[in-house]
Amino acid sequence: MSTLSETPALDALQSPPASRAALSPHLGRWLLHGFVGLVLIFLLLPTLLVVPMSLGEASYIQFPPKGFTLKWYHAYFADADWMSATWFSLKIAVATTVSATVVGTLASFAIVRGSLPGAAALQALTLAPLIVPHIVLAVALYLVFAPIGLTGNFFGFAIAHTMMSVPYVMLTVSASLQRIDPALELAALNCGATRAQAFWHVVLPNIAPGVAAGAVFAFLASFDEATVAFFISGVEGKTITRKLFEDIDYNLTPVIAAASTVMVVISLVLMGGVEWLRSRGAKAAQ
């Protein structure tokens, strides 16, 4: 009788309470979310601090700022050098977006849908700019561009930034192509469509969100690029990132923070557009 009466008590001692077992997964999830939140705050904090520093009244960068003024934004938009560098960067980014999107989309289609010999090696070579340090690319591009007069001009920047932006387009477009059933394209071909017609009317509408996302990433990769721009810029052809470097060295005023804030706003707007396209594509797929 004593053995039978002690067995439930021993089982109760050995098995954890139901509330404790239910609490453990929730506690781990809360700790994980808290850790991820702290990491995100740590990464975003330097960017967020730029905004209040651009609104201070002092003639030098300080945090926390004293007072509130928009004169540094007025100085930025009224300065001919800043505007020239900004428009030069925007023109290069737009040209890079168009060229990188076309090249990256066609290359992705050839690699994913085609049967090219050495496709894996070609894909690795195309993605190399993501792996090779930018300082190495910058030195190599300068040594190649300088003798043929491609430093400090629009075409040199467009070629260099296109080479560096194509991998972003290829990654997004290749992922979209792998989710599309090849039978759709084959059905269009069986119905009499040419390869170009099947791609334009069947494949491209289905991968449009991926193409648009790649285009946005190509724009940002060009507009925010600094290392290569520092090497191949000239006296006239100067990007906004090169202008930022120069003013940090010789003219450290809140105009730099204002220009940085403008760049952050442009990047956030474009990234918001990518998220909108992604969510729209997901809804269409459902």
C-alpha atoms as a PDB file:
ATOM      1  CA  MET A   1       0.000   0.000   0.000  1.00  0.00           C
ATOM      2  CA  SER A   2       2.802   2.403   0.802  1.00  0.00           C
ATOM      3  CA  THR A   3       4.474   1.735  -2.575  1.00  0.00           C
ATOM      4  CA  LEU A   4       1.276   2.437  -4.458  1.00  0.00           C
ATOM      5  CA  SER A   5       0.672   5.618  -2.519  1.00  0.00           C
ATOM      6  CA  GLU A   6       4.228   6.903  -3.091  1.00  0.00           C
ATOM      7  CA  THR A   7       4.230   6.346  -6.875  1.00  0.00           C
ATOM      8  CA  PRO A   8       1.959   9.345  -7.790  1.00  0.00           C
ATOM      9  CA  ALA A   9       4.022  11.566  -5.532  1.00  0.00           C
ATOM     10  CA  LEU A  10       7.257  10.491  -7.228  1.00  0.00           C
ATOM     11  CA  ASP A  11       5.735  11.072 -10.702  1.00  0.00           C
ATOM     12  CA  ALA A  12       4.633  14.543  -9.676  1.00  0.00           C
ATOM     13  CA  LEU A  13       8.139  15.376  -8.493  1.00  0.00           C
ATOM     14  CA  GLN A  14       9.839  14.024 -11.625  1.00  0.00           C
ATOM     15  CA  SER A  15       7.541  15.606 -14.272  1.00  0.00           C
ATOM     16  CA  PRO A  16       7.723  19.429 -14.689  1.00  0.00           C
ATOM     17  CA  PRO A  17       4.572  21.442 -14.072  1.00  0.00           C
ATOM     18  CA  ALA A  18       2.427  22.070 -17.130  1.00  0.00           C
ATOM     19  CA  SER A  19       2.692  25.836 -16.639  1.00  0.00           C
ATOM     20  CA  ARG A  20       6.495  25.675 -16.631  1.00  0.00           C
ATOM     21  CA  ALA A  21       6.551  23.600 -19.845  1.00  0.00           C
ATOM     22  CA  ALA A  22       4.203  26.067 -21.530  1.00  0.00           C
ATOM     23  CA  LEU A  23       6.231  29.061 -20.330  1.00  0.00           C
ATOM     24  CA  SER A  24       9.592  27.874 -21.705  1.00  0.00           C
ATOM     25  CA  PRO A  25       8.771  28.271 -25.453  1.00  0.00           C
ATOM     26  CA  HIS A  26       7.204  31.684 -24.837  1.00  0.00           C
ATOM     27  CA  LEU A  27      10.207  32.837 -22.802  1.00  0.00           C
ATOM     28  CA  GLY A  28      12.639  31.709 -25.512  1.00  0.00           C
ATOM     29  CA  ARG A  29      10.614  33.472 -28.195  1.00  0.00           C
ATOM     30  CA  TRP A  30      10.531  36.689 -26.148  1.00  0.00           C
ATOM     31  CA  LEU A  31      14.270  36.547 -25.568  1.00  0.00           C
ATOM     32  CA  LEU A  32      14.923  35.967 -29.283  1.00  0.00           C
ATOM     33  CA  HIS A  33      12.656  38.841 -30.307  1.00  0.00           C
ATOM     34  CA  GLY A  34      14.269  41.101 -27.732  1.00  0.00           C
ATOM     35  CA  PHE A  35      17.769  40.229 -28.951  1.00  0.00           C
ATOM     36  CA  VAL A  36      16.812  40.814 -32.599  1.00  0.00           C
ATOM     37  CA  GLY A  37      15.229  44.143 -31.641  1.00  0.00           C
ATOM     38  CA  LEU A  38      18.393  45.274 -29.846  1.00  0.00           C
ATOM     39  CA  VAL A  39      20.529  44.328 -32.857  1.00  0.00           C
ATOM     40  CA  LEU A  40      18.228  46.292 -35.198  1.00  0.00           C
ATOM     41  CA  ILE A  41      18.331  49.325 -32.914  1.00  0.00           C
ATOM     42  CA  PHE A  42      22.136  49.104 -32.792  1.00  0.00           C
ATOM     43  CA  LEU A  43      22.303  49.012 -36.610  1.00  0.00           C
ATOM     44  CA  LEU A  44      19.759  51.783 -37.166  1.00  0.00           C
ATOM     45  CA  LEU A  45      20.850  54.147 -34.390  1.00  0.00           C
ATOM     46  CA  PRO A  46      23.736  55.821 -36.293  1.00  0.00           C
ATOM     47  CA  THR A  47      21.415  56.480 -39.237  1.00  0.00           C
ATOM     48  CA  LEU A  48      18.666  57.856 -37.016  1.00  0.00           C
ATOM     49  CA  LEU A  49      21.093  60.191 -35.214  1.00  0.00           C
ATOM     50  CA  VAL A  50      21.929  61.897 -38.517  1.00  0.00           C
ATOM     51  CA  VAL A  51      18.414  63.362 -38.770  1.00  0.00           C
ATOM     52  CA  PRO A  52      18.436  65.460 -35.554  1.00  0.00           C
ATOM     53  CA  MET A  53      22.042  66.533 -36.238  1.00  0.00           C
ATOM     54  CA  SER A  54      20.877  68.053 -39.522  1.00  0.00           C
ATOM     55  CA  LEU A  55      18.361  70.232 -37.674  1.00  0.00           C
ATOM     56  CA  GLY A  56      20.653  71.865 -35.112  1.00  0.00           C
ATOM     57  CA  GLU A  57      21.446  75.588 -35.158  1.00  0.00           C
ATOM     58  CA  ALA A  58      25.193  75.212 -34.513  1.00  0.00           C
ATOM     59  CA  SER A  59      27.548  75.655 -37.447  1.00  0.00           C
ATOM     60  CA  TYR A  60      29.176  72.316 -36.702  1.00  0.00           C
ATOM     61  CA  ILE A  61      27.820  68.808 -36.242  1.00  0.00           C
ATOM     62  CA  GLN A  62      26.802  68.109 -32.652  1.00  0.00           C
ATOM     63  CA  PHE A  63      24.571  65.731 -30.749  1.00  0.00           C
ATOM     64  CA  PRO A  64      22.245  66.403 -29.084  1.00  0.00           C
ATOM     65  CA  PRO A  65      21.518  69.411 -31.308  1.00  0.00           C
ATOM     66  CA  LYS A  66      20.667  72.783 -29.839  1.00  0.00           C
ATOM     67  CA  GLY A  67      17.699  74.543 -31.351  1.00  0.00           C
ATOM     68  CA  PHE A  68      15.792  73.695 -34.499  1.00  0.00           C
ATOM     69  CA  THR A  69      16.366  75.018 -38.004  1.00  0.00           C
ATOM     70  CA  LEU A  70      16.028  73.989 -41.628  1.00  0.00           C
ATOM     71  CA  LYS A  71      18.758  76.315 -42.873  1.00  0.00           C
ATOM     72  CA  TRP A  72      21.152  73.439 -43.533  1.00  0.00           C
ATOM     73  CA  TYR A  73      18.667  71.857 -45.924  1.00  0.00           C
ATOM     74  CA  HIS A  74      18.292  75.224 -47.625  1.00  0.00           C
ATOM     75  CA  ALA A  75      22.083  75.462 -47.845  1.00  0.00           C
ATOM     76  CA  TYR A  76      22.233  72.000 -49.356  1.00  0.00           C
ATOM     77  CA  PHE A  77      19.605  72.657 -52.031  1.00  0.00           C
ATOM     78  CA  ALA A  78      20.996  76.134 -52.770  1.00  0.00           C
ATOM     79  CA  ASP A  79      24.612  74.999 -53.174  1.00  0.00           C
ATOM     80  CA  ALA A  80      25.565  74.468 -56.819  1.00  0.00           C
ATOM     81  CA  ASP A  81      28.280  71.918 -55.995  1.00  0.00           C
ATOM     82  CA  TRP A  82      25.949  69.779 -53.882  1.00  0.00           C
ATOM     83  CA  MET A  83      23.206  69.891 -56.498  1.00  0.00           C
ATOM     84  CA  SER A  84      25.627  69.055 -59.295  1.00  0.00           C
ATOM     85  CA  ALA A  85      26.922  66.037 -57.371  1.00  0.00           C
ATOM     86  CA  THR A  86      23.386  64.918 -56.467  1.00  0.00           C
ATOM     87  CA  TRP A  87      22.050  65.143 -60.029  1.00  0.00           C
ATOM     88  CA  PHE A  88      25.169  63.435 -61.356  1.00  0.00           C
ATOM     89  CA  SER A  89      24.600  60.546 -58.931  1.00  0.00           C
ATOM     90  CA  LEU A  90      20.913  60.342 -59.827  1.00  0.00           C
ATOM     91  CA  LYS A  91      21.645  60.236 -63.565  1.00  0.00           C
ATOM     92  CA  ILE A  92      24.214  57.507 -63.068  1.00  0.00           C
ATOM     93  CA  ALA A  93      21.831  55.553 -60.811  1.00  0.00           C
ATOM     94  CA  VAL A  94      18.999  55.727 -63.359  1.00  0.00           C
ATOM     95  CA  ALA A  95      21.268  54.620 -66.211  1.00  0.00           C
ATOM     96  CA  THR A  96      22.682  51.852 -64.027  1.00  0.00           C
ATOM     97  CA  THR A  97      19.176  50.707 -63.116  1.00  0.00           C
ATOM     98  CA  VAL A  98      18.143  50.367 -66.756  1.00  0.00           C
ATOM     99  CA  SER A  99      21.305  48.647 -67.971  1.00  0.00           C
ATOM    100  CA  ALA A 100      21.728  46.358 -64.941  1.00  0.00           C
ATOM    101  CA  THR A 101      18.058  45.326 -65.033  1.00  0.00           C
ATOM    102  CA  VAL A 102      18.194  44.406 -68.717  1.00  0.00           C
ATOM    103  CA  VAL A 103      21.524  42.578 -68.466  1.00  0.00           C
ATOM    104  CA  GLY A 104      20.692  40.856 -65.168  1.00  0.00           C
ATOM    105  CA  THR A 105      17.225  39.727 -66.295  1.00  0.00           C
ATOM    106  CA  LEU A 106      18.449  38.276 -69.599  1.00  0.00           C
ATOM    107  CA  ALA A 107      21.435  36.609 -67.919  1.00  0.00           C
ATOM    108  CA  SER A 108      19.186  35.072 -65.264  1.00  0.00           C
ATOM    109  CA  PHE A 109      16.810  33.760 -67.913  1.00  0.00           C
ATOM    110  CA  ALA A 110      19.704  32.236 -69.869  1.00  0.00           C
ATOM    111  CA  ILE A 111      21.171  30.554 -66.778  1.00  0.00           C
ATOM    112  CA  VAL A 112      17.922  29.328 -65.192  1.00  0.00           C
ATOM    113  CA  ARG A 113      15.983  28.378 -68.333  1.00  0.00           C
ATOM    114  CA  GLY A 114      18.787  27.698 -70.777  1.00  0.00           C
ATOM    115  CA  SER A 115      21.314  24.907 -71.104  1.00  0.00           C
ATOM    116  CA  LEU A 116      24.495  26.916 -71.383  1.00  0.00           C
ATOM    117  CA  PRO A 117      27.776  25.019 -71.017  1.00  0.00           C
ATOM    118  CA  GLY A 118      29.548  26.269 -67.901  1.00  0.00           C
ATOM    119  CA  ALA A 119      26.438  28.025 -66.572  1.00  0.00           C
ATOM    120  CA  ALA A 120      27.568  27.568 -62.960  1.00  0.00           C
ATOM    121  CA  ALA A 121      30.946  29.183 -63.679  1.00  0.00           C
ATOM    122  CA  LEU A 122      29.246  32.021 -65.551  1.00  0.00           C
ATOM    123  CA  GLN A 123      26.891  32.634 -62.645  1.00  0.00           C
ATOM    124  CA  ALA A 124      29.774  32.634 -60.155  1.00  0.00           C
ATOM    125  CA  LEU A 125      31.697  35.098 -62.339  1.00  0.00           C
ATOM    126  CA  THR A 126      28.674  37.376 -62.576  1.00  0.00           C
ATOM    127  CA  LEU A 127      28.195  37.353 -58.793  1.00  0.00           C
ATOM    128  CA  ALA A 128      31.899  38.029 -58.151  1.00  0.00           C
ATOM    129  CA  PRO A 129      31.395  41.806 -57.495  1.00  0.00           C
ATOM    130  CA  LEU A 130      29.459  40.844 -54.352  1.00  0.00           C
ATOM    131  CA  ILE A 131      32.462  38.888 -53.042  1.00  0.00           C
ATOM    132  CA  VAL A 132      35.501  40.853 -54.208  1.00  0.00           C
ATOM    133  CA  PRO A 133      36.244  43.821 -51.878  1.00  0.00           C
ATOM    134  CA  HIS A 134      35.224  47.136 -53.406  1.00  0.00           C
ATOM    135  CA  ILE A 135      38.671  48.611 -52.835  1.00  0.00           C
ATOM    136  CA  VAL A 136      40.115  45.927 -55.141  1.00  0.00           C
ATOM    137  CA  LEU A 137      37.490  46.683 -57.784  1.00  0.00           C
ATOM    138  CA  ALA A 138      38.152  50.408 -57.404  1.00  0.00           C
ATOM    139  CA  VAL A 139      41.889  50.095 -57.992  1.00  0.00           C
ATOM    140  CA  ALA A 140      41.354  47.740 -60.952  1.00  0.00           C
ATOM    141  CA  LEU A 141      38.750  50.005 -62.542  1.00  0.00           C
ATOM    142  CA  TYR A 142      40.944  53.056 -62.122  1.00  0.00           C
ATOM    143  CA  LEU A 143      43.898  51.320 -63.766  1.00  0.00           C
ATOM    144  CA  VAL A 144      41.689  50.268 -66.692  1.00  0.00           C
ATOM    145  CA  PHE A 145      39.643  53.471 -67.056  1.00  0.00           C
ATOM    146  CA  ALA A 146      42.382  56.088 -66.611  1.00  0.00           C
ATOM    147  CA  PRO A 147      44.331  55.332 -69.827  1.00  0.00           C
ATOM    148  CA  ILE A 148      41.162  55.365 -71.974  1.00  0.00           C
ATOM    149  CA  GLY A 149      39.609  58.488 -70.462  1.00  0.00           C
ATOM    150  CA  LEU A 150      36.681  56.921 -68.597  1.00  0.00           C
ATOM    151  CA  THR A 151      37.446  58.460 -65.202  1.00  0.00           C
ATOM    152  CA  GLY A 152      35.296  61.333 -64.021  1.00  0.00           C
ATOM    153  CA  ASN A 153      32.621  61.005 -66.702  1.00  0.00           C
ATOM    154  CA  PHE A 154      29.137  59.584 -67.007  1.00  0.00           C
ATOM    155  CA  PHE A 155      29.975  56.558 -69.152  1.00  0.00           C
ATOM    156  CA  GLY A 156      32.756  55.349 -66.890  1.00  0.00           C
ATOM    157  CA  PHE A 157      30.507  55.470 -63.847  1.00  0.00           C
ATOM    158  CA  ALA A 158      27.648  53.793 -65.716  1.00  0.00           C
ATOM    159  CA  ILE A 159      29.869  50.898 -66.802  1.00  0.00           C
ATOM    160  CA  ALA A 160      31.408  50.431 -63.350  1.00  0.00           C
ATOM    161  CA  HIS A 161      28.117  50.650 -61.450  1.00  0.00           C
ATOM    162  CA  THR A 162      26.349  48.362 -63.907  1.00  0.00           C
ATOM    163  CA  MET A 163      28.991  45.701 -63.314  1.00  0.00           C
ATOM    164  CA  MET A 164      28.488  46.054 -59.547  1.00  0.00           C
ATOM    165  CA  SER A 165      24.671  46.108 -59.707  1.00  0.00           C
ATOM    166  CA  VAL A 166      23.983  43.193 -62.061  1.00  0.00           C
ATOM    167  CA  PRO A 167      24.434  40.588 -59.258  1.00  0.00           C
ATOM    168  CA  TYR A 168      21.545  42.095 -57.267  1.00  0.00           C
ATOM    169  CA  VAL A 169      19.239  41.836 -60.271  1.00  0.00           C
ATOM    170  CA  MET A 170      20.354  38.296 -60.997  1.00  0.00           C
ATOM    171  CA  LEU A 171      19.656  37.124 -57.448  1.00  0.00           C
ATOM    172  CA  THR A 172      16.101  38.470 -57.353  1.00  0.00           C
ATOM    173  CA  VAL A 173      15.179  37.536 -60.928  1.00  0.00           C
ATOM    174  CA  SER A 174      16.649  34.028 -60.637  1.00  0.00           C
ATOM    175  CA  ALA A 175      14.612  33.432 -57.490  1.00  0.00           C
ATOM    176  CA  SER A 176      11.463  34.578 -59.303  1.00  0.00           C
ATOM    177  CA  LEU A 177      12.192  32.398 -62.337  1.00  0.00           C
ATOM    178  CA  GLN A 178      12.658  29.304 -60.195  1.00  0.00           C
ATOM    179  CA  ARG A 179       9.160  29.791 -58.764  1.00  0.00           C
ATOM    180  CA  ILE A 180       7.544  29.960 -62.224  1.00  0.00           C
ATOM    181  CA  ASP A 181       6.416  26.687 -63.786  1.00  0.00           C
ATOM    182  CA  PRO A 182       8.338  26.165 -67.081  1.00  0.00           C
ATOM    183  CA  ALA A 183       5.203  24.500 -68.459  1.00  0.00           C
ATOM    184  CA  LEU A 184       3.620  27.947 -68.852  1.00  0.00           C
ATOM    185  CA  GLU A 185       6.296  29.004 -71.300  1.00  0.00           C
ATOM    186  CA  LEU A 186       6.152  25.669 -73.121  1.00  0.00           C
ATOM    187  CA  ALA A 187       2.391  26.021 -73.482  1.00  0.00           C
ATOM    188  CA  ALA A 188       2.848  29.447 -75.073  1.00  0.00           C
ATOM    189  CA  LEU A 189       5.428  28.014 -77.481  1.00  0.00           C
ATOM    190  CA  ASN A 190       3.092  25.159 -78.396  1.00  0.00           C
ATOM    191  CA  CYS A 191       0.370  27.679 -79.147  1.00  0.00           C
ATOM    192  CA  GLY A 192       2.564  29.328 -81.775  1.00  0.00           C
ATOM    193  CA  ALA A 193       4.326  32.054 -79.805  1.00  0.00           C
ATOM    194  CA  THR A 194       7.988  32.801 -80.477  1.00  0.00           C
ATOM    195  CA  ARG A 195      10.602  32.758 -77.732  1.00  0.00           C
ATOM    196  CA  ALA A 196      10.482  36.531 -77.463  1.00  0.00           C
ATOM    197  CA  GLN A 197       6.665  36.576 -77.350  1.00  0.00           C
ATOM    198  CA  ALA A 198       6.546  33.851 -74.705  1.00  0.00           C
ATOM    199  CA  PHE A 199       9.050  35.744 -72.563  1.00  0.00           C
ATOM    200  CA  TRP A 200       7.320  39.107 -72.972  1.00  0.00           C
ATOM    201  CA  HIS A 201       3.710  37.975 -72.519  1.00  0.00           C
ATOM    202  CA  VAL A 202       4.068  34.981 -70.176  1.00  0.00           C
ATOM    203  CA  VAL A 203       7.356  34.959 -68.258  1.00  0.00           C
ATOM    204  CA  LEU A 204       7.932  38.680 -67.692  1.00  0.00           C
ATOM    205  CA  PRO A 205       4.512  39.442 -66.132  1.00  0.00           C
ATOM    206  CA  ASN A 206       5.052  36.606 -63.649  1.00  0.00           C
ATOM    207  CA  ILE A 207       8.536  37.719 -62.627  1.00  0.00           C
ATOM    208  CA  ALA A 208       7.775  41.465 -62.702  1.00  0.00           C
ATOM    209  CA  PRO A 209       7.969  41.885 -58.880  1.00  0.00           C
ATOM    210  CA  GLY A 210      11.403  40.250 -58.853  1.00  0.00           C
ATOM    211  CA  VAL A 211      12.590  42.413 -61.750  1.00  0.00           C
ATOM    212  CA  ALA A 212      11.306  45.554 -60.033  1.00  0.00           C
ATOM    213  CA  ALA A 213      12.996  44.594 -56.763  1.00  0.00           C
ATOM    214  CA  GLY A 214      16.266  43.978 -58.597  1.00  0.00           C
ATOM    215  CA  ALA A 215      15.956  47.362 -60.305  1.00  0.00           C
ATOM    216  CA  VAL A 216      15.512  49.106 -56.964  1.00  0.00           C
ATOM    217  CA  PHE A 217      18.508  47.324 -55.480  1.00  0.00           C
ATOM    218  CA  ALA A 218      20.555  48.274 -58.562  1.00  0.00           C
ATOM    219  CA  PHE A 219      19.566  51.927 -58.109  1.00  0.00           C
ATOM    220  CA  LEU A 220      20.529  51.904 -54.433  1.00  0.00           C
ATOM    221  CA  ALA A 221      23.802  50.069 -55.104  1.00  0.00           C
ATOM    222  CA  SER A 222      24.752  52.807 -57.567  1.00  0.00           C
ATOM    223  CA  PHE A 223      23.442  55.811 -55.653  1.00  0.00           C
ATOM    224  CA  ASP A 224      25.059  54.826 -52.335  1.00  0.00           C
ATOM    225  CA  GLU A 225      28.359  53.503 -53.719  1.00  0.00           C
ATOM    226  CA  ALA A 226      31.379  55.341 -52.309  1.00  0.00           C
ATOM    227  CA  THR A 227      34.619  53.371 -52.693  1.00  0.00           C
ATOM    228  CA  VAL A 228      34.726  53.060 -56.488  1.00  0.00           C
ATOM    229  CA  ALA A 229      33.387  56.620 -56.844  1.00  0.00           C
ATOM    230  CA  PHE A 230      36.305  57.914 -54.783  1.00  0.00           C
ATOM    231  CA  PHE A 231      38.791  56.412 -57.272  1.00  0.00           C
ATOM    232  CA  ILE A 232      37.161  57.156 -60.624  1.00  0.00           C
ATOM    233  CA  SER A 233      35.657  60.579 -59.845  1.00  0.00           C
ATOM    234  CA  GLY A 234      37.112  63.678 -61.439  1.00  0.00           C
ATOM    235  CA  VAL A 235      37.027  67.418 -60.868  1.00  0.00           C
ATOM    236  CA  GLU A 236      33.819  67.791 -62.861  1.00  0.00           C
ATOM    237  CA  GLY A 237      32.253  64.344 -62.648  1.00  0.00           C
ATOM    238  CA  LYS A 238      31.755  63.922 -58.918  1.00  0.00           C
ATOM    239  CA  THR A 239      29.112  61.842 -57.133  1.00  0.00           C
ATOM    240  CA  ILE A 240      27.349  62.825 -53.953  1.00  0.00           C
ATOM    241  CA  THR A 241      29.279  60.200 -51.989  1.00  0.00           C
ATOM    242  CA  ARG A 242      32.597  61.672 -53.162  1.00  0.00           C
ATOM    243  CA  LYS A 243      31.311  65.141 -52.230  1.00  0.00           C
ATOM    244  CA  LEU A 244      30.443  63.834 -48.764  1.00  0.00           C
ATOM    245  CA  PHE A 245      33.980  62.518 -48.304  1.00  0.00           C
ATOM    246  CA  GLU A 246      35.496  65.850 -49.348  1.00  0.00           C
ATOM    247  CA  ASP A 247      33.330  67.917 -47.004  1.00  0.00           C
ATOM    248  CA  ILE A 248      34.016  65.553 -44.102  1.00  0.00           C
ATOM    249  CA  ASP A 249      37.723  66.304 -44.591  1.00  0.00           C
ATOM    250  CA  TYR A 250      37.567  70.050 -45.216  1.00  0.00           C
ATOM    251  CA  ASN A 251      34.146  71.488 -44.328  1.00  0.00           C
ATOM    252  CA  LEU A 252      32.452  69.561 -41.515  1.00  0.00           C
ATOM    253  CA  THR A 253      29.089  71.343 -41.252  1.00  0.00           C
ATOM    254  CA  PRO A 254      25.517  70.092 -40.704  1.00  0.00           C
ATOM    255  CA  VAL A 255      25.039  70.323 -44.484  1.00  0.00           C
ATOM    256  CA  ILE A 256      26.678  66.889 -44.550  1.00  0.00           C
ATOM    257  CA  ALA A 257      23.995  65.590 -42.184  1.00  0.00           C
ATOM    258  CA  ALA A 258      21.285  67.189 -44.335  1.00  0.00           C
ATOM    259  CA  ALA A 259      22.654  65.538 -47.492  1.00  0.00           C
ATOM    260  CA  SER A 260      22.903  62.211 -45.652  1.00  0.00           C
ATOM    261  CA  THR A 261      19.295  62.539 -44.511  1.00  0.00           C
ATOM    262  CA  VAL A 262      18.163  63.146 -48.088  1.00  0.00           C
ATOM    263  CA  MET A 263      19.988  59.983 -49.163  1.00  0.00           C
ATOM    264  CA  VAL A 264      18.385  58.017 -46.323  1.00  0.00           C
ATOM    265  CA  VAL A 265      14.903  59.251 -47.282  1.00  0.00           C
ATOM    266  CA  ILE A 266      15.423  58.266 -50.922  1.00  0.00           C
ATOM    267  CA  SER A 267      16.626  54.816 -49.861  1.00  0.00           C
ATOM    268  CA  LEU A 268      13.688  54.299 -47.479  1.00  0.00           C
ATOM    269  CA  VAL A 269      11.155  55.343 -50.115  1.00  0.00           C
ATOM    270  CA  LEU A 270      12.614  52.904 -52.625  1.00  0.00           C
ATOM    271  CA  MET A 271      12.815  50.077 -50.089  1.00  0.00           C
ATOM    272  CA  GLY A 272       9.199  50.758 -49.180  1.00  0.00           C
ATOM    273  CA  GLY A 273       8.380  50.397 -52.860  1.00  0.00           C
ATOM    274  CA  VAL A 274      10.155  47.027 -52.921  1.00  0.00           C
ATOM    275  CA  GLU A 275       8.143  45.823 -49.932  1.00  0.00           C
ATOM    276  CA  TRP A 276       4.929  46.995 -51.564  1.00  0.00           C
ATOM    277  CA  LEU A 277       5.789  45.136 -54.761  1.00  0.00           C
ATOM    278  CA  ARG A 278       6.671  42.016 -52.757  1.00  0.00           C
ATOM    279  CA  SER A 279       3.397  42.046 -50.857  1.00  0.00           C
ATOM    280  CA  ARG A 280       1.468  42.706 -54.063  1.00  0.00           C
ATOM    281  CA  GLY A 281       3.207  39.795 -55.759  1.00  0.00           C
ATOM    282  CA  ALA A 282       2.434  37.522 -52.819  1.00  0.00           C
ATOM    283  CA  LYS A 283      -1.252  38.459 -52.939  1.00  0.00           C
ATOM    284  CA  ALA A 284      -1.358  37.874 -56.689  1.00  0.00           C
ATOM    285  CA  ALA A 285       0.232  34.458 -56.221  1.00  0.00           C
ATOM    286  CA  GLN A 286      -2.383  33.530 -53.621  1.00  0.00           C
END
